[in-house]
């Protein structure tokens, strides 16, 4: 499991770094575009269209590493305060629900992107095909499903081991 965890960590970090680089490039271009407008010059042609498709990739790139490192929001008040012995199993429940939610989101990304593909959707200004960019976002969201499955399996294994030790 340690090898799998290390490989997933490297993969998810690389995806997150690519998203961060894209975000940084978009921030610099946004500042440049704003400066052009402030100087009453022409905007970067099609910049809004590029942002329309790139920001989905940037946002999606954060999810795999966040899930792997369990940096998602959790409410542990109930398990820690009311029934401490059940707290690990409530964590398993939370991981299960997270898995179900991300599976549903990934499925919706596939359906939406497929619709964009077959309807030949393009951006509004420069008619940039939207589907190829959304397939990248969809691929990243599809990565979240096995990553969260790994987290869930790990959580169940740890909980069983700690329950057996008691």
Protein backbone atom coordinates (compact mmCIF):
# COMPACT_ATOMS: atom_id res chain seq x y z
CA UNK A 1 0.00 0.00 0.00
CA UNK A 2 2.91 2.37 0.68
CA UNK A 3 4.09 2.05 -2.94
CA UNK A 4 0.62 2.76 -4.28
CA UNK A 5 0.31 5.74 -1.95
CA UNK A 6 3.64 7.13 -3.13
CA UNK A 7 2.74 6.67 -6.81
CA UNK A 8 -0.66 8.30 -6.32
CA UNK A 9 0.96 11.13 -4.40
CA UNK A 10 3.43 11.80 -7.24
CA UNK A 11 0.66 11.65 -9.86
CA UNK A 12 -1.77 13.86 -7.97
CA UNK A 13 0.93 16.39 -7.08
CA UNK A 14 1.94 16.67 -10.73
CA UNK A 15 -1.67 17.30 -11.73
CA UNK A 16 -2.00 19.94 -9.00
CA UNK A 17 1.28 21.60 -10.03
CA UNK A 18 0.12 21.73 -13.66
CA UNK A 19 -3.10 23.36 -12.46
CA UNK A 20 -1.14 25.85 -10.36
CA UNK A 21 1.09 26.74 -13.31
CA UNK A 22 -2.00 27.26 -15.49
CA UNK A 23 -3.55 29.43 -12.77
CA UNK A 24 -0.39 31.51 -12.55
CA UNK A 25 -0.30 31.99 -16.33
CA UNK A 26 -3.97 33.01 -16.31
CA UNK A 27 -3.30 35.47 -13.45
CA UNK A 28 -0.42 37.10 -15.36
CA UNK A 29 -2.50 37.27 -18.53
CA UNK A 30 -5.43 38.74 -16.57
CA UNK A 31 -3.17 41.46 -15.19
CA UNK A 32 -1.80 42.15 -18.68
CA UNK A 33 -5.32 42.24 -20.14
CA UNK A 34 -6.44 44.63 -17.37
CA UNK A 35 -3.44 46.85 -17.99
CA UNK A 36 -4.29 46.98 -21.70
CA UNK A 37 -7.85 48.04 -20.88
CA UNK A 38 -6.61 50.61 -18.36
CA UNK A 39 -4.40 52.12 -21.06
CA UNK A 40 -7.42 52.18 -23.42
CA UNK A 41 -5.81 49.60 -25.70
CA UNK A 42 -7.41 46.53 -27.24
CA UNK A 43 -7.95 43.53 -25.00
CA UNK A 44 -6.27 40.21 -25.64
CA UNK A 45 -8.50 38.73 -28.37
CA UNK A 46 -10.41 35.70 -27.11
CA UNK A 47 -8.93 35.85 -23.61
CA UNK A 48 -12.34 35.34 -22.02
CA UNK A 49 -12.91 32.26 -24.16
CA UNK A 50 -9.59 30.75 -23.12
CA UNK A 51 -10.41 31.40 -19.47
CA UNK A 52 -13.79 29.77 -19.97
CA UNK A 53 -12.17 26.43 -20.79
CA UNK A 54 -8.94 26.65 -18.80
CA UNK A 55 -10.51 27.42 -15.41
CA UNK A 56 -12.40 24.12 -15.44
CA UNK A 57 -9.06 22.33 -15.81
CA UNK A 58 -7.46 24.45 -13.09
CA UNK A 59 -10.26 23.75 -10.62
CA UNK A 60 -10.40 20.02 -11.42
CA UNK A 61 -6.64 19.71 -10.94
CA UNK A 62 -6.98 20.44 -7.22
CA UNK A 63 -9.34 17.59 -6.38
CA UNK A 64 -7.16 14.44 -6.72
CA UNK A 65 -4.40 15.62 -4.37
CA UNK A 66 -6.93 17.04 -1.92
CA UNK A 67 -8.77 13.75 -1.75
CA UNK A 68 -5.60 11.67 -1.44
CA UNK A 69 -4.32 13.81 1.41
CA UNK A 70 -7.79 13.93 2.96
CA UNK A 71 -7.84 17.70 2.95
CA UNK A 72 -11.56 17.82 2.35
CA UNK A 73 -13.94 19.30 4.89
CA UNK A 74 -15.08 16.94 7.60
CA UNK A 75 -17.26 17.27 10.64
CA UNK A 76 -15.93 15.14 13.45
CA UNK A 77 -17.82 16.70 16.34
CA UNK A 78 -20.37 13.88 16.58
CA UNK A 79 -17.96 10.96 16.62
CA UNK A 80 -15.34 12.53 18.85
CA UNK A 81 -17.77 13.80 21.47
CA UNK A 82 -20.69 11.38 21.54
CA UNK A 83 -19.33 7.93 20.70
CA UNK A 84 -15.51 7.96 20.42
CA UNK A 85 -15.36 4.23 19.54
CA UNK A 86 -17.53 4.88 16.48
CA UNK A 87 -15.46 7.85 15.28
CA UNK A 88 -13.27 5.75 12.93
CA UNK A 89 -16.37 4.13 11.40
CA UNK A 90 -17.93 7.57 10.91
CA UNK A 91 -14.73 8.47 9.04
CA UNK A 92 -15.30 5.41 6.85
CA UNK A 93 -18.87 6.57 6.26
CA UNK A 94 -17.59 10.03 5.30
CA UNK A 95 -15.06 8.51 2.89
CA UNK A 96 -17.80 6.34 1.40
CA UNK A 97 -20.07 9.33 0.85
CA UNK A 98 -17.17 11.27 -0.67
CA UNK A 99 -16.55 8.36 -3.04
CA UNK A 100 -20.23 8.29 -4.06
CA UNK A 101 -20.34 12.06 -4.61
CA UNK A 102 -17.15 12.16 -6.70
CA UNK A 103 -18.32 9.17 -8.73
CA UNK A 104 -21.56 11.04 -9.50
CA UNK A 105 -19.65 14.23 -10.35
CA UNK A 106 -17.27 12.35 -12.65
CA UNK A 107 -20.23 10.70 -14.37
CA UNK A 108 -21.86 14.10 -14.91
CA UNK A 109 -18.61 15.46 -16.34
CA UNK A 110 -18.56 12.59 -18.84
CA UNK A 111 -22.19 13.21 -19.81
CA UNK A 112 -21.72 16.97 -20.13
CA UNK A 113 -18.48 16.69 -22.09
CA UNK A 114 -19.96 14.06 -24.38
CA UNK A 115 -22.86 16.44 -25.06
CA UNK A 116 -20.37 19.21 -25.89
CA UNK A 117 -18.55 16.84 -28.21
CA UNK A 118 -21.57 15.67 -30.19
CA UNK A 119 -23.12 19.14 -30.37
CA UNK A 120 -19.81 20.71 -31.48
CA UNK A 121 -19.98 23.46 -28.85
CA UNK A 122 -17.58 26.34 -29.23
CA UNK A 123 -16.74 29.38 -27.16
CA UNK A 124 -18.64 32.59 -27.83
CA UNK A 125 -15.95 34.92 -29.16
CA UNK A 126 -13.29 32.98 -31.05
CA UNK A 127 -15.24 29.76 -31.60
CA UNK A 128 -12.70 27.64 -29.75
CA UNK A 129 -13.97 24.04 -29.60
CA UNK A 130 -14.95 23.41 -25.98
CA UNK A 131 -14.98 19.61 -25.87
CA UNK A 132 -11.23 18.93 -26.10
CA UNK A 133 -10.59 21.17 -23.11
CA UNK A 134 -13.47 19.67 -21.17
CA UNK A 135 -12.17 16.17 -21.88
CA UNK A 136 -9.02 17.17 -19.97
CA UNK A 137 -11.16 18.32 -17.02
CA UNK A 138 -13.20 15.15 -17.28
CA UNK A 139 -10.09 12.96 -17.29
CA UNK A 140 -8.89 14.69 -14.14
CA UNK A 141 -12.28 14.22 -12.48
CA UNK A 142 -12.23 10.55 -13.48
CA UNK A 143 -8.90 10.23 -11.64
CA UNK A 144 -10.65 11.32 -8.45
CA UNK A 145 -12.74 8.14 -8.41
CA UNK A 146 -9.89 5.60 -8.02
CA UNK A 147 -8.02 8.01 -5.74
CA UNK A 148 -11.01 8.22 -3.39
CA UNK A 149 -11.53 4.45 -3.70
CA UNK A 150 -7.94 4.00 -2.52
CA UNK A 151 -8.56 6.40 0.39
CA UNK A 152 -11.72 4.49 1.31
CA UNK A 153 -9.99 1.08 1.21
CA UNK A 154 -7.13 2.46 3.30
CA UNK A 155 -9.56 3.96 5.81
CA UNK A 156 -11.49 0.66 6.12
CA UNK A 157 -8.24 -1.29 6.58
CA UNK A 158 -6.98 1.10 9.28
CA UNK A 159 -10.33 1.05 11.07
CA UNK A 160 -10.50 -2.76 11.05
CA UNK A 161 -6.95 -3.01 12.36
CA UNK A 162 -7.59 -0.53 15.15
CA UNK A 163 -10.89 -2.25 16.05
CA UNK A 164 -9.16 -5.65 16.15
CA UNK A 165 -6.39 -4.26 18.40
CA UNK A 166 -8.91 -3.10 21.01
